[in-house]
Amino acid sequence: MSESLRFRAAQGGYRYILCYWGILESAREEREGNSVSWVPIVGAFVPDQKQKVRIRLKALLMDVATGSWKMLTPEVYTDESFNSRWTRESSDQKLVHELKGKGYQRLISDVLKD
């Protein structure tokens, strides 16, 4: 299959093939606010969970002409945020979006260096 892919890339005039994939991992840490979330607080929400998210990217860069390849593993980015039950979904999505941006920018930088 790699020969067929290289052949098609060469026909198209491409010098390299880049294949990349990522793994998104998360961990949750319950906060002490979880046990007191029943206390009425007007206009505010008590953060009851700490969300940790990290993204690990890998890429394979193949020279179409020779078939030689190089594996790239850019820096792993990790971030965390405190959230409450009412803000959890939007907070998690924002965190993932920011990590993807950092990870893909770093991957592009690493590819262009080579």
PDB file of N, CA and C in Angstrom:
ATOM      1  N   MET A   1       0.821  -1.199   0.000  1.00  0.00           N
ATOM      2  CA  MET A   1       0.000   0.000   0.000  1.00  0.00           C
ATOM      3  C   MET A   1       0.865   1.263   0.000  1.00  0.00           C
ATOM      4  N   SER A   2       1.986   1.234   0.725  1.00  0.00           N
ATOM      5  CA  SER A   2       2.835   2.429   0.770  1.00  0.00           C
ATOM      6  C   SER A   2       3.413   2.745  -0.603  1.00  0.00           C
ATOM      7  N   GLU A   3       3.701   1.700  -1.394  1.00  0.00           N
ATOM      8  CA  GLU A   3       4.224   1.935  -2.745  1.00  0.00           C
ATOM      9  C   GLU A   3       3.174   2.609  -3.619  1.00  0.00           C
ATOM     10  N   SER A   4       1.944   2.164  -3.505  1.00  0.00           N
ATOM     11  CA  SER A   4       0.846   2.761  -4.274  1.00  0.00           C
ATOM     12  C   SER A   4       0.636   4.222  -3.863  1.00  0.00           C
ATOM     13  N   LEU A   5       0.700   4.469  -2.583  1.00  0.00           N
ATOM     14  CA  LEU A   5       0.540   5.830  -2.083  1.00  0.00           C
ATOM     15  C   LEU A   5       1.694   6.716  -2.561  1.00  0.00           C
ATOM     16  N   ARG A   6       2.896   6.206  -2.503  1.00  0.00           N
ATOM     17  CA  ARG A   6       4.062   6.961  -2.992  1.00  0.00           C
ATOM     18  C   ARG A   6       3.954   7.227  -4.490  1.00  0.00           C
ATOM     19  N   PHE A   7       3.493   6.229  -5.230  1.00  0.00           N
ATOM     20  CA  PHE A   7       3.344   6.378  -6.675  1.00  0.00           C
ATOM     21  C   PHE A   7       2.355   7.493  -7.006  1.00  0.00           C
ATOM     22  N   ARG A   8       1.207   7.477  -6.335  1.00  0.00           N
ATOM     23  CA  ARG A   8       0.184   8.513  -6.558  1.00  0.00           C
ATOM     24  C   ARG A   8       0.691   9.891  -6.156  1.00  0.00           C
ATOM     25  N   ALA A   9       1.428   9.973  -5.060  1.00  0.00           N
ATOM     26  CA  ALA A   9       1.980  11.257  -4.616  1.00  0.00           C
ATOM     27  C   ALA A   9       2.987  11.776  -5.645  1.00  0.00           C
ATOM     28  N   ALA A  10       3.806  10.873  -6.181  1.00  0.00           N
ATOM     29  CA  ALA A  10       4.786  11.269  -7.189  1.00  0.00           C
ATOM     30  C   ALA A  10       4.100  11.757  -8.455  1.00  0.00           C
ATOM     31  N   GLN A  11       3.023  11.084  -8.855  1.00  0.00           N
ATOM     32  CA  GLN A  11       2.260  11.525 -10.026  1.00  0.00           C
ATOM     33  C   GLN A  11       1.703  12.928  -9.824  1.00  0.00           C
ATOM     34  N   GLY A  12       1.336  13.227  -8.589  1.00  0.00           N
ATOM     35  CA  GLY A  12       0.790  14.544  -8.277  1.00  0.00           C
ATOM     36  C   GLY A  12       1.857  15.610  -8.082  1.00  0.00           C
ATOM     37  N   GLY A  13       3.119  15.205  -8.107  1.00  0.00           N
ATOM     38  CA  GLY A  13       4.206  16.173  -7.959  1.00  0.00           C
ATOM     39  C   GLY A  13       4.557  16.492  -6.515  1.00  0.00           C
ATOM     40  N   TYR A  14       4.134  15.645  -5.591  1.00  0.00           N
ATOM     41  CA  TYR A  14       4.414  15.884  -4.171  1.00  0.00           C
ATOM     42  C   TYR A  14       5.746  15.270  -3.769  1.00  0.00           C
ATOM     43  N   ARG A  15       6.459  15.944  -2.877  1.00  0.00           N
ATOM     44  CA  ARG A  15       7.752  15.450  -2.403  1.00  0.00           C
ATOM     45  C   ARG A  15       7.632  14.625  -1.132  1.00  0.00           C
ATOM     46  N   TYR A  16       6.610  14.923  -0.328  1.00  0.00           N
ATOM     47  CA  TYR A  16       6.476  14.254   0.964  1.00  0.00           C
ATOM     48  C   TYR A  16       5.033  13.827   1.202  1.00  0.00           C
ATOM     49  N   ILE A  17       4.892  12.823   2.038  1.00  0.00           N
ATOM     50  CA  ILE A  17       3.584  12.399   2.542  1.00  0.00           C
ATOM     51  C   ILE A  17       3.638  12.583   4.056  1.00  0.00           C
ATOM     52  N   LEU A  18       2.636  13.230   4.601  1.00  0.00           N
ATOM     53  CA  LEU A  18       2.547  13.437   6.040  1.00  0.00           C
ATOM     54  C   LEU A  18       1.297  12.745   6.559  1.00  0.00           C
ATOM     55  N   CYS A  19       1.499  11.861   7.497  1.00  0.00           N
ATOM     56  CA  CYS A  19       0.379  11.176   8.148  1.00  0.00           C
ATOM     57  C   CYS A  19       0.484  11.492   9.637  1.00  0.00           C
ATOM     58  N   TYR A  20      -0.582  12.023  10.225  1.00  0.00           N
ATOM     59  CA  TYR A  20      -0.514  12.380  11.642  1.00  0.00           C
ATOM     60  C   TYR A  20      -1.744  11.880  12.374  1.00  0.00           C
ATOM     61  N   TRP A  21      -1.608  11.698  13.675  1.00  0.00           N
ATOM     62  CA  TRP A  21      -2.717  11.280  14.522  1.00  0.00           C
ATOM     63  C   TRP A  21      -2.447  11.791  15.927  1.00  0.00           C
ATOM     64  N   GLY A  22      -3.493  11.863  16.693  1.00  0.00           N
ATOM     65  CA  GLY A  22      -3.364  12.386  18.046  1.00  0.00           C
ATOM     66  C   GLY A  22      -4.165  11.592  19.044  1.00  0.00           C
ATOM     67  N   ILE A  23      -3.757  11.698  20.278  1.00  0.00           N
ATOM     68  CA  ILE A  23      -4.467  11.057  21.384  1.00  0.00           C
ATOM     69  C   ILE A  23      -4.784  12.148  22.392  1.00  0.00           C
ATOM     70  N   LEU A  24      -6.047  12.265  22.712  1.00  0.00           N
ATOM     71  CA  LEU A  24      -6.506  13.242  23.684  1.00  0.00           C
ATOM     72  C   LEU A  24      -6.827  12.484  24.970  1.00  0.00           C
ATOM     73  N   GLU A  25      -6.197  12.883  26.068  1.00  0.00           N
ATOM     74  CA  GLU A  25      -6.392  12.201  27.343  1.00  0.00           C
ATOM     75  C   GLU A  25      -6.900  13.201  28.378  1.00  0.00           C
ATOM     76  N   SER A  26      -7.714  12.701  29.300  1.00  0.00           N
ATOM     77  CA  SER A  26      -8.221  13.592  30.342  1.00  0.00           C
ATOM     78  C   SER A  26      -8.279  12.870  31.681  1.00  0.00           C
ATOM     79  N   ALA A  27      -8.222  13.670  32.729  1.00  0.00           N
ATOM     80  CA  ALA A  27      -8.355  13.166  34.097  1.00  0.00           C
ATOM     81  C   ALA A  27      -9.200  14.161  34.873  1.00  0.00           C
ATOM     82  N   ARG A  28      -9.962  13.651  35.800  1.00  0.00           N
ATOM     83  CA  ARG A  28     -10.805  14.524  36.625  1.00  0.00           C
ATOM     84  C   ARG A  28     -10.468  14.318  38.087  1.00  0.00           C
ATOM     85  N   GLU A  29     -10.412  15.419  38.771  1.00  0.00           N
ATOM     86  CA  GLU A  29     -10.129  15.392  40.198  1.00  0.00           C
ATOM     87  C   GLU A  29     -11.284  16.091  40.901  1.00  0.00           C
ATOM     88  N   GLU A  30     -11.940  15.368  41.774  1.00  0.00           N
ATOM     89  CA  GLU A  30     -13.060  15.962  42.518  1.00  0.00           C
ATOM     90  C   GLU A  30     -12.529  16.995  43.496  1.00  0.00           C
ATOM     91  N   ARG A  31     -13.249  18.084  43.626  1.00  0.00           N
ATOM     92  CA  ARG A  31     -12.842  19.164  44.521  1.00  0.00           C
ATOM     93  C   ARG A  31     -13.727  19.155  45.756  1.00  0.00           C
ATOM     94  N   GLU A  32     -13.253  19.845  46.786  1.00  0.00           N
ATOM     95  CA  GLU A  32     -14.025  19.914  48.020  1.00  0.00           C
ATOM     96  C   GLU A  32     -15.353  20.634  47.837  1.00  0.00           C
ATOM     97  N   GLY A  33     -15.470  21.445  46.784  1.00  0.00           N
ATOM     98  CA  GLY A  33     -16.731  22.130  46.494  1.00  0.00           C
ATOM     99  C   GLY A  33     -17.844  21.155  46.170  1.00  0.00           C
ATOM    100  N   ASN A  34     -17.492  19.961  45.797  1.00  0.00           N
ATOM    101  CA  ASN A  34     -18.481  18.946  45.473  1.00  0.00           C
ATOM    102  C   ASN A  34     -19.343  18.601  46.681  1.00  0.00           C
ATOM    103  N   SER A  35     -18.746  18.576  47.850  1.00  0.00           N
ATOM    104  CA  SER A  35     -19.506  18.205  49.047  1.00  0.00           C
ATOM    105  C   SER A  35     -20.331  19.363  49.601  1.00  0.00           C
ATOM    106  N   VAL A  36     -20.059  20.594  49.195  1.00  0.00           N
ATOM    107  CA  VAL A  36     -20.818  21.725  49.716  1.00  0.00           C
ATOM    108  C   VAL A  36     -21.603  22.436  48.623  1.00  0.00           C
ATOM    109  N   SER A  37     -21.796  21.787  47.488  1.00  0.00           N
ATOM    110  CA  SER A  37     -22.470  22.448  46.382  1.00  0.00           C
ATOM    111  C   SER A  37     -23.946  22.728  46.676  1.00  0.00           C
ATOM    112  N   TRP A  38     -24.498  22.174  47.735  1.00  0.00           N
ATOM    113  CA  TRP A  38     -25.888  22.416  48.098  1.00  0.00           C
ATOM    114  C   TRP A  38     -26.081  23.782  48.762  1.00  0.00           C
ATOM    115  N   VAL A  39     -24.997  24.442  49.178  1.00  0.00           N
ATOM    116  CA  VAL A  39     -25.102  25.743  49.833  1.00  0.00           C
ATOM    117  C   VAL A  39     -25.539  26.770  48.796  1.00  0.00           C
ATOM    118  N   PRO A  40     -26.652  27.498  49.068  1.00  0.00           N
ATOM    119  CA  PRO A  40     -27.114  28.473  48.083  1.00  0.00           C
ATOM    120  C   PRO A  40     -26.154  29.652  47.948  1.00  0.00           C
ATOM    121  N   ILE A  41     -25.722  29.877  46.736  1.00  0.00           N
ATOM    122  CA  ILE A  41     -24.859  31.009  46.434  1.00  0.00           C
ATOM    123  C   ILE A  41     -25.510  31.732  45.266  1.00  0.00           C
ATOM    124  N   VAL A  42     -25.893  32.959  45.465  1.00  0.00           N
ATOM    125  CA  VAL A  42     -26.605  33.706  44.447  1.00  0.00           C
ATOM    126  C   VAL A  42     -25.627  34.260  43.412  1.00  0.00           C
ATOM    127  N   GLY A  43     -25.880  33.961  42.145  1.00  0.00           N
ATOM    128  CA  GLY A  43     -25.094  34.525  41.055  1.00  0.00           C
ATOM    129  C   GLY A  43     -23.723  33.908  40.846  1.00  0.00           C
ATOM    130  N   ALA A  44     -23.409  32.788  41.491  1.00  0.00           N
ATOM    131  CA  ALA A  44     -22.102  32.162  41.307  1.00  0.00           C
ATOM    132  C   ALA A  44     -22.239  30.652  41.396  1.00  0.00           C
ATOM    133  N   PHE A  45     -21.288  29.971  40.848  1.00  0.00           N
ATOM    134  CA  PHE A  45     -21.271  28.512  40.913  1.00  0.00           C
ATOM    135  C   PHE A  45     -19.965  28.067  41.555  1.00  0.00           C
ATOM    136  N   VAL A  46     -20.057  27.101  42.439  1.00  0.00           N
ATOM    137  CA  VAL A  46     -18.888  26.600  43.139  1.00  0.00           C
ATOM    138  C   VAL A  46     -18.191  25.571  42.249  1.00  0.00           C
ATOM    139  N   PRO A  47     -16.931  25.801  41.895  1.00  0.00           N
ATOM    140  CA  PRO A  47     -16.207  24.790  41.121  1.00  0.00           C
ATOM    141  C   PRO A  47     -16.071  23.511  41.936  1.00  0.00           C
ATOM    142  N   ASP A  48     -16.511  22.390  41.377  1.00  0.00           N
ATOM    143  CA  ASP A  48     -16.484  21.141  42.130  1.00  0.00           C
ATOM    144  C   ASP A  48     -15.597  20.081  41.475  1.00  0.00           C
ATOM    145  N   GLN A  49     -14.908  20.449  40.399  1.00  0.00           N
ATOM    146  CA  GLN A  49     -14.094  19.463  39.711  1.00  0.00           C
ATOM    147  C   GLN A  49     -12.913  20.146  39.010  1.00  0.00           C
ATOM    148  N   LYS A  50     -11.784  19.481  39.017  1.00  0.00           N
ATOM    149  CA  LYS A  50     -10.608  19.965  38.308  1.00  0.00           C
ATOM    150  C   LYS A  50     -10.415  19.038  37.105  1.00  0.00           C
ATOM    151  N   GLN A  51     -10.428  19.615  35.927  1.00  0.00           N
ATOM    152  CA  GLN A  51     -10.295  18.860  34.678  1.00  0.00           C
ATOM    153  C   GLN A  51      -8.886  19.036  34.140  1.00  0.00           C
ATOM    154  N   LYS A  52      -8.189  17.939  33.920  1.00  0.00           N
ATOM    155  CA  LYS A  52      -6.863  17.968  33.311  1.00  0.00           C
ATOM    156  C   LYS A  52      -6.971  17.308  31.937  1.00  0.00           C
ATOM    157  N   VAL A  53      -6.410  17.953  30.931  1.00  0.00           N
ATOM    158  CA  VAL A  53      -6.467  17.434  29.568  1.00  0.00           C
ATOM    159  C   VAL A  53      -5.080  17.562  28.954  1.00  0.00           C
ATOM    160  N   ARG A  54      -4.681  16.540  28.182  1.00  0.00           N
ATOM    161  CA  ARG A  54      -3.422  16.636  27.455  1.00  0.00           C
ATOM    162  C   ARG A  54      -3.604  16.031  26.065  1.00  0.00           C
ATOM    163  N   ILE A  55      -2.790  16.528  25.153  1.00  0.00           N
ATOM    164  CA  ILE A  55      -2.834  16.034  23.782  1.00  0.00           C
ATOM    165  C   ILE A  55      -1.438  15.550  23.407  1.00  0.00           C
ATOM    166  N   ARG A  56      -1.409  14.341  22.862  1.00  0.00           N
ATOM    167  CA  ARG A  56      -0.155  13.763  22.370  1.00  0.00           C
ATOM    168  C   ARG A  56      -0.321  13.521  20.872  1.00  0.00           C
ATOM    169  N   LEU A  57       0.537  14.132  20.090  1.00  0.00           N
ATOM    170  CA  LEU A  57       0.484  13.990  18.641  1.00  0.00           C
ATOM    171  C   LEU A  57       1.681  13.187  18.148  1.00  0.00           C
ATOM    172  N   LYS A  58       1.462  12.474  17.064  1.00  0.00           N
ATOM    173  CA  LYS A  58       2.532  11.756  16.376  1.00  0.00           C
ATOM    174  C   LYS A  58       2.341  11.972  14.891  1.00  0.00           C
ATOM    175  N   ALA A  59       3.457  11.964  14.162  1.00  0.00           N
ATOM    176  CA  ALA A  59       3.379  12.142  12.716  1.00  0.00           C
ATOM    177  C   ALA A  59       4.471  11.321  12.046  1.00  0.00           C
ATOM    178  N   LEU A  60       4.162  10.874  10.850  1.00  0.00           N
ATOM    179  CA  LEU A  60       5.116  10.169  10.018  1.00  0.00           C
ATOM    180  C   LEU A  60       5.307  10.998   8.765  1.00  0.00           C
ATOM    181  N   LEU A  61       6.543  11.371   8.497  1.00  0.00           N
ATOM    182  CA  LEU A  61       6.877  12.165   7.324  1.00  0.00           C
ATOM    183  C   LEU A  61       7.692  11.281   6.382  1.00  0.00           C
ATOM    184  N   MET A  62       7.147  11.014   5.193  1.00  0.00           N
ATOM    185  CA  MET A  62       7.785  10.108   4.245  1.00  0.00           C
ATOM    186  C   MET A  62       8.230  10.848   2.996  1.00  0.00           C
ATOM    187  N   ASP A  63       9.468  10.594   2.583  1.00  0.00           N
ATOM    188  CA  ASP A  63       9.997  11.127   1.335  1.00  0.00           C
ATOM    189  C   ASP A  63       9.440  10.270   0.202  1.00  0.00           C
ATOM    190  N   VAL A  64       8.720  10.879  -0.729  1.00  0.00           N
ATOM    191  CA  VAL A  64       8.063  10.148  -1.812  1.00  0.00           C
ATOM    192  C   VAL A  64       9.083   9.472  -2.717  1.00  0.00           C
ATOM    193  N   ALA A  65      10.181  10.136  -3.016  1.00  0.00           N
ATOM    194  CA  ALA A  65      11.173   9.600  -3.955  1.00  0.00           C
ATOM    195  C   ALA A  65      11.910   8.386  -3.402  1.00  0.00           C
ATOM    196  N   THR A  66      12.316   8.441  -2.144  1.00  0.00           N
ATOM    197  CA  THR A  66      13.155   7.375  -1.591  1.00  0.00           C
ATOM    198  C   THR A  66      12.396   6.376  -0.717  1.00  0.00           C
ATOM    199  N   GLY A  67      11.276   6.790  -0.179  1.00  0.00           N
ATOM    200  CA  GLY A  67      10.535   5.922   0.740  1.00  0.00           C
ATOM    201  C   GLY A  67      11.053   5.996   2.162  1.00  0.00           C
ATOM    202  N   SER A  68      12.101   6.767   2.396  1.00  0.00           N
ATOM    203  CA  SER A  68      12.600   6.916   3.767  1.00  0.00           C
ATOM    204  C   SER A  68      11.599   7.761   4.553  1.00  0.00           C
ATOM    205  N   TRP A  69      11.535   7.489   5.833  1.00  0.00           N
ATOM    206  CA  TRP A  69      10.557   8.190   6.655  1.00  0.00           C
ATOM    207  C   TRP A  69      11.152   8.553   8.006  1.00  0.00           C
ATOM    208  N   LYS A  70      10.476   9.484   8.645  1.00  0.00           N
ATOM    209  CA  LYS A  70      10.889   9.956   9.961  1.00  0.00           C
ATOM    210  C   LYS A  70       9.660  10.104  10.831  1.00  0.00           C
ATOM    211  N   MET A  71       9.777   9.673  12.070  1.00  0.00           N
ATOM    212  CA  MET A  71       8.683   9.797  13.029  1.00  0.00           C
ATOM    213  C   MET A  71       8.877  11.063  13.849  1.00  0.00           C
ATOM    214  N   LEU A  72       7.838  11.859  13.969  1.00  0.00           N
ATOM    215  CA  LEU A  72       7.880  13.093  14.754  1.00  0.00           C
ATOM    216  C   LEU A  72       6.928  12.970  15.934  1.00  0.00           C
ATOM    217  N   THR A  73       7.394  13.362  17.099  1.00  0.00           N
ATOM    218  CA  THR A  73       6.545  13.396  18.288  1.00  0.00           C
ATOM    219  C   THR A  73       6.760  14.745  18.974  1.00  0.00           C
ATOM    220  N   PRO A  74       5.933  15.723  18.629  1.00  0.00           N
ATOM    221  CA  PRO A  74       6.114  17.050  19.234  1.00  0.00           C
ATOM    222  C   PRO A  74       5.806  17.042  20.734  1.00  0.00           C
ATOM    223  N   GLU A  75       6.140  18.133  21.353  1.00  0.00           N
ATOM    224  CA  GLU A  75       5.918  18.322  22.787  1.00  0.00           C
ATOM    225  C   GLU A  75       4.476  17.997  23.167  1.00  0.00           C
ATOM    226  N   VAL A  76       4.301  17.351  24.316  1.00  0.00           N
ATOM    227  CA  VAL A  76       2.972  17.052  24.849  1.00  0.00           C
ATOM    228  C   VAL A  76       2.477  18.282  25.590  1.00  0.00           C
ATOM    229  N   TYR A  77       1.279  18.734  25.247  1.00  0.00           N
ATOM    230  CA  TYR A  77       0.693  19.900  25.912  1.00  0.00           C
ATOM    231  C   TYR A  77      -0.375  19.454  26.899  1.00  0.00           C
ATOM    232  N   THR A  78      -0.298  20.033  28.097  1.00  0.00           N
ATOM    233  CA  THR A  78      -1.237  19.708  29.165  1.00  0.00           C
ATOM    234  C   THR A  78      -1.818  21.003  29.712  1.00  0.00           C
ATOM    235  N   ASP A  79      -3.082  20.963  30.078  1.00  0.00           N
ATOM    236  CA  ASP A  79      -3.721  22.125  30.685  1.00  0.00           C
ATOM    237  C   ASP A  79      -4.766  21.632  31.671  1.00  0.00           C
ATOM    238  N   GLU A  80      -5.181  22.507  32.529  1.00  0.00           N
ATOM    239  CA  GLU A  80      -6.197  22.137  33.516  1.00  0.00           C
ATOM    240  C   GLU A  80      -7.080  23.328  33.820  1.00  0.00           C
ATOM    241  N   SER A  81      -8.282  23.025  34.268  1.00  0.00           N
ATOM    242  CA  SER A  81      -9.210  24.080  34.646  1.00  0.00           C
ATOM    243  C   SER A  81     -10.141  23.577  35.734  1.00  0.00           C
ATOM    244  N   PHE A  82     -10.657  24.505  36.496  1.00  0.00           N
ATOM    245  CA  PHE A  82     -11.679  24.196  37.484  1.00  0.00           C
ATOM    246  C   PHE A  82     -13.022  24.507  36.857  1.00  0.00           C
ATOM    247  N   ASN A  83     -14.000  23.660  37.110  1.00  0.00           N
ATOM    248  CA  ASN A  83     -15.317  23.929  36.559  1.00  0.00           C
ATOM    249  C   ASN A  83     -16.399  23.402  37.487  1.00  0.00           C
ATOM    250  N   SER A  84     -17.604  23.844  37.222  1.00  0.00           N
ATOM    251  CA  SER A  84     -18.757  23.384  37.978  1.00  0.00           C
ATOM    252  C   SER A  84     -19.652  22.582  37.046  1.00  0.00           C
ATOM    253  N   ARG A  85     -20.645  21.991  37.585  1.00  0.00           N
ATOM    254  CA  ARG A  85     -21.563  21.165  36.805  1.00  0.00           C
ATOM    255  C   ARG A  85     -22.200  21.965  35.681  1.00  0.00           C
ATOM    256  N   TRP A  86     -22.443  23.246  35.883  1.00  0.00           N
ATOM    257  CA  TRP A  86     -23.139  24.071  34.897  1.00  0.00           C
ATOM    258  C   TRP A  86     -22.215  24.579  33.789  1.00  0.00           C
ATOM    259  N   THR A  87     -20.928  24.642  34.048  1.00  0.00           N
ATOM    260  CA  THR A  87     -19.995  25.163  33.042  1.00  0.00           C
ATOM    261  C   THR A  87     -19.068  24.087  32.474  1.00  0.00           C
ATOM    262  N   ARG A  88     -19.232  22.858  32.914  1.00  0.00           N
ATOM    263  CA  ARG A  88     -18.278  21.799  32.583  1.00  0.00           C
ATOM    264  C   ARG A  88     -18.128  21.559  31.087  1.00  0.00           C
ATOM    265  N   GLU A  89     -19.209  21.424  30.367  1.00  0.00           N
ATOM    266  CA  GLU A  89     -19.128  21.088  28.942  1.00  0.00           C
ATOM    267  C   GLU A  89     -18.419  22.184  28.144  1.00  0.00           C
ATOM    268  N   SER A  90     -18.815  23.425  28.341  1.00  0.00           N
ATOM    269  CA  SER A  90     -18.184  24.509  27.580  1.00  0.00           C
ATOM    270  C   SER A  90     -16.731  24.698  27.985  1.00  0.00           C
ATOM    271  N   SER A  91     -16.434  24.520  29.250  1.00  0.00           N
ATOM    272  CA  SER A  91     -15.064  24.653  29.733  1.00  0.00           C
ATOM    273  C   SER A  91     -14.174  23.556  29.142  1.00  0.00           C
ATOM    274  N   ASP A  92     -14.682  22.323  29.109  1.00  0.00           N
ATOM    275  CA  ASP A  92     -13.916  21.209  28.548  1.00  0.00           C
ATOM    276  C   ASP A  92     -13.659  21.414  27.063  1.00  0.00           C
ATOM    277  N   GLN A  93     -14.662  21.852  26.319  1.00  0.00           N
ATOM    278  CA  GLN A  93     -14.501  22.062  24.882  1.00  0.00           C
ATOM    279  C   GLN A  93     -13.495  23.169  24.588  1.00  0.00           C
ATOM    280  N   LYS A  94     -13.528  24.219  25.388  1.00  0.00           N
ATOM    281  CA  LYS A  94     -12.577  25.320  25.208  1.00  0.00           C
ATOM    282  C   LYS A  94     -11.153  24.835  25.464  1.00  0.00           C
ATOM    283  N   LEU A  95     -10.971  24.034  26.505  1.00  0.00           N
ATOM    284  CA  LEU A  95      -9.674  23.493  26.855  1.00  0.00           C
ATOM    285  C   LEU A  95      -9.120  22.607  25.729  1.00  0.00           C
ATOM    286  N   VAL A  96      -9.953  21.738  25.190  1.00  0.00           N
ATOM    287  CA  VAL A  96      -9.557  20.851  24.092  1.00  0.00           C
ATOM    288  C   VAL A  96      -9.180  21.663  22.856  1.00  0.00           C
ATOM    289  N   HIS A  97      -9.981  22.669  22.537  1.00  0.00           N
ATOM    290  CA  HIS A  97      -9.711  23.509  21.368  1.00  0.00           C
ATOM    291  C   HIS A  97      -8.356  24.206  21.491  1.00  0.00           C
ATOM    292  N   GLU A  98      -8.060  24.747  22.660  1.00  0.00           N
ATOM    293  CA  GLU A  98      -6.789  25.435  22.884  1.00  0.00           C
ATOM    294  C   GLU A  98      -5.608  24.468  22.779  1.00  0.00           C
ATOM    295  N   LEU A  99      -5.748  23.264  23.345  1.00  0.00           N
ATOM    296  CA  LEU A  99      -4.670  22.288  23.283  1.00  0.00           C
ATOM    297  C   LEU A  99      -4.416  21.814  21.858  1.00  0.00           C
ATOM    298  N   LYS A 100      -5.478  21.608  21.095  1.00  0.00           N
ATOM    299  CA  LYS A 100      -5.310  21.214  19.693  1.00  0.00           C
ATOM    300  C   LYS A 100      -4.559  22.291  18.924  1.00  0.00           C
ATOM    301  N   GLY A 101      -4.906  23.531  19.164  1.00  0.00           N
ATOM    302  CA  GLY A 101      -4.219  24.636  18.496  1.00  0.00           C
ATOM    303  C   GLY A 101      -2.730  24.644  18.800  1.00  0.00           C
ATOM    304  N   LYS A 102      -2.378  24.505  20.078  1.00  0.00           N
ATOM    305  CA  LYS A 102      -0.965  24.481  20.468  1.00  0.00           C
ATOM    306  C   LYS A 102      -0.246  23.274  19.872  1.00  0.00           C
ATOM    307  N   GLY A 103      -0.877  22.115  19.968  1.00  0.00           N
ATOM    308  CA  GLY A 103      -0.252  20.887  19.476  1.00  0.00           C
ATOM    309  C   GLY A 103      -0.023  20.900  17.983  1.00  0.00           C
ATOM    310  N   TYR A 104      -1.027  21.309  17.212  1.00  0.00           N
ATOM    311  CA  TYR A 104      -0.890  21.330  15.755  1.00  0.00           C
ATOM    312  C   TYR A 104       0.103  22.397  15.295  1.00  0.00           C
ATOM    313  N   GLN A 105       0.141  23.533  15.974  1.00  0.00           N
ATOM    314  CA  GLN A 105       1.133  24.558  15.633  1.00  0.00           C
ATOM    315  C   GLN A 105       2.546  24.016  15.839  1.00  0.00           C
ATOM    316  N   ARG A 106       2.744  23.313  16.944  1.00  0.00           N
ATOM    317  CA  ARG A 106       4.061  22.750  17.230  1.00  0.00           C
ATOM    318  C   ARG A 106       4.423  21.671  16.206  1.00  0.00           C
ATOM    319  N   LEU A 107       3.455  20.843  15.831  1.00  0.00           N
ATOM    320  CA  LEU A 107       3.694  19.807  14.832  1.00  0.00           C
ATOM    321  C   LEU A 107       4.106  20.436  13.496  1.00  0.00           C
ATOM    322  N   ILE A 108       3.410  21.460  13.075  1.00  0.00           N
ATOM    323  CA  ILE A 108       3.749  22.159  11.824  1.00  0.00           C
ATOM    324  C   ILE A 108       5.166  22.717  11.911  1.00  0.00           C
ATOM    325  N   SER A 109       5.493  23.319  13.038  1.00  0.00           N
ATOM    326  CA  SER A 109       6.840  23.871  13.243  1.00  0.00           C
ATOM    327  C   SER A 109       7.901  22.771  13.132  1.00  0.00           C
ATOM    328  N   ASP A 110       7.643  21.619  13.738  1.00  0.00           N
ATOM    329  CA  ASP A 110       8.598  20.512  13.701  1.00  0.00           C
ATOM    330  C   ASP A 110       8.750  19.957  12.282  1.00  0.00           C
ATOM    331  N   VAL A 111       7.651  19.884  11.535  1.00  0.00           N
ATOM    332  CA  VAL A 111       7.707  19.381  10.168  1.00  0.00           C
ATOM    333  C   VAL A 111       8.505  20.339   9.286  1.00  0.00           C
ATOM    334  N   LEU A 112       8.287  21.625   9.454  1.00  0.00           N
ATOM    335  CA  LEU A 112       8.993  22.606   8.619  1.00  0.00           C
ATOM    336  C   LEU A 112      10.480  22.687   8.930  1.00  0.00           C
ATOM    337  N   LYS A 113      10.874  22.298  10.144  1.00  0.00           N
ATOM    338  CA  LYS A 113      12.296  22.271  10.502  1.00  0.00           C
ATOM    339  C   LYS A 113      13.031  21.181   9.722  1.00  0.00           C
ATOM    340  N   ASP A 114      12.329  20.093   9.437  1.00  0.00           N
ATOM    341  CA  ASP A 114      12.967  18.951   8.765  1.00  0.00           C
ATOM    342  C   ASP A 114      12.924  19.089   7.323  1.00  0.00           C
TER     343      ASP A 114
END
